[in-house]
């Protein structure tokens, strides 16, 4: 199964996340299929950038977004 989820980037106490498409069995920061966006919670307001076409494509192909990513996609306008 393929999931759309977050992977953590950035340094200590300065998190920055990529929204990725990855195999559900892969570890959090492990191998992925594609990067479809970014999320920066430290900015005010938080910065969410998502390639909506690719997100829709992967969801139509059967990819399951995690709960957090689902909320981020809704905030981004999907």
Protein backbone atom coordinates (compact mmCIF):
# COMPACT_ATOMS: atom_id res chain seq x y z
CA UNK A 1 0.00 0.00 0.00
CA UNK A 2 1.16 3.53 -0.78
CA UNK A 3 0.71 6.38 1.71
CA UNK A 4 0.95 10.14 1.52
CA UNK A 5 2.74 11.27 4.67
CA UNK A 6 5.21 13.68 6.23
CA UNK A 7 8.94 13.24 6.52
CA UNK A 8 10.90 15.46 8.92
CA UNK A 9 13.66 17.73 7.71
CA UNK A 10 15.43 20.66 9.33
CA UNK A 11 17.68 20.94 12.34
CA UNK A 12 17.17 20.54 16.07
CA UNK A 13 14.07 22.47 17.25
CA UNK A 14 13.53 23.85 13.72
CA UNK A 15 11.30 21.26 12.05
CA UNK A 16 10.41 21.42 8.38
CA UNK A 17 8.39 18.70 6.67
CA UNK A 18 8.11 17.33 3.16
CA UNK A 19 4.83 15.80 2.01
CA UNK A 20 5.86 12.59 0.28
CA UNK A 21 4.39 9.52 -1.36
CA UNK A 22 5.97 6.37 0.08
CA UNK A 23 5.42 2.68 0.61
CA UNK A 24 3.58 2.13 3.91
CA UNK A 25 6.27 -0.31 5.07
CA UNK A 26 9.12 2.19 4.63
CA UNK A 27 10.43 4.04 7.69
CA UNK A 28 9.54 7.71 8.27
CA UNK A 29 12.68 9.24 6.79
CA UNK A 30 13.40 6.34 4.46
CA UNK A 31 12.98 5.88 0.73
CA UNK A 32 10.03 7.53 -1.03
CA UNK A 33 8.43 7.61 -4.45
CA UNK A 34 7.81 11.34 -4.94
CA UNK A 35 7.83 14.68 -3.10
CA UNK A 36 4.52 16.47 -3.65
CA UNK A 37 4.83 19.39 -1.24
CA UNK A 38 6.23 21.03 1.88
CA UNK A 39 4.95 22.14 5.28
CA UNK A 40 6.66 24.68 7.55
CA UNK A 41 4.93 24.91 10.95
CA UNK A 42 7.36 27.52 12.33
CA UNK A 43 6.18 30.34 10.05
CA UNK A 44 3.22 32.46 11.09
CA UNK A 45 0.81 31.49 9.55
CA UNK A 46 2.18 28.04 8.78
CA UNK A 47 3.38 27.62 5.19
CA UNK A 48 1.78 24.79 3.17
CA UNK A 49 2.75 24.21 -0.46
CA UNK A 50 1.27 21.22 -2.29
CA UNK A 51 1.18 20.18 -5.95
CA UNK A 52 -2.57 19.53 -6.06
CA UNK A 53 -2.49 17.74 -9.42
CA UNK A 54 0.01 15.17 -8.17
CA UNK A 55 -1.85 14.76 -4.87
CA UNK A 56 -5.11 14.08 -6.73
CA UNK A 57 -3.29 11.68 -9.06
CA UNK A 58 -1.88 9.63 -6.17
CA UNK A 59 -5.19 9.59 -4.29
CA UNK A 60 -6.94 8.35 -7.46
CA UNK A 61 -4.26 5.65 -7.76
CA UNK A 62 -5.15 4.41 -4.26
CA UNK A 63 -2.67 6.22 -2.02
CA UNK A 64 -3.99 6.79 1.51
CA UNK A 65 -3.13 10.14 3.15
CA UNK A 66 -2.40 10.07 6.88
CA UNK A 67 -4.69 12.05 9.20
CA UNK A 68 -2.22 14.94 9.45
CA UNK A 69 -1.73 15.13 5.70
CA UNK A 70 -5.51 15.00 5.19
CA UNK A 71 -5.87 18.11 7.37
CA UNK A 72 -3.03 19.87 5.56
CA UNK A 73 -4.59 19.11 2.16
CA UNK A 74 -7.90 20.54 3.36
CA UNK A 75 -6.16 23.73 4.56
CA UNK A 76 -4.36 24.01 1.22
CA UNK A 77 -7.69 23.92 -0.62
CA UNK A 78 -8.27 20.34 -1.72
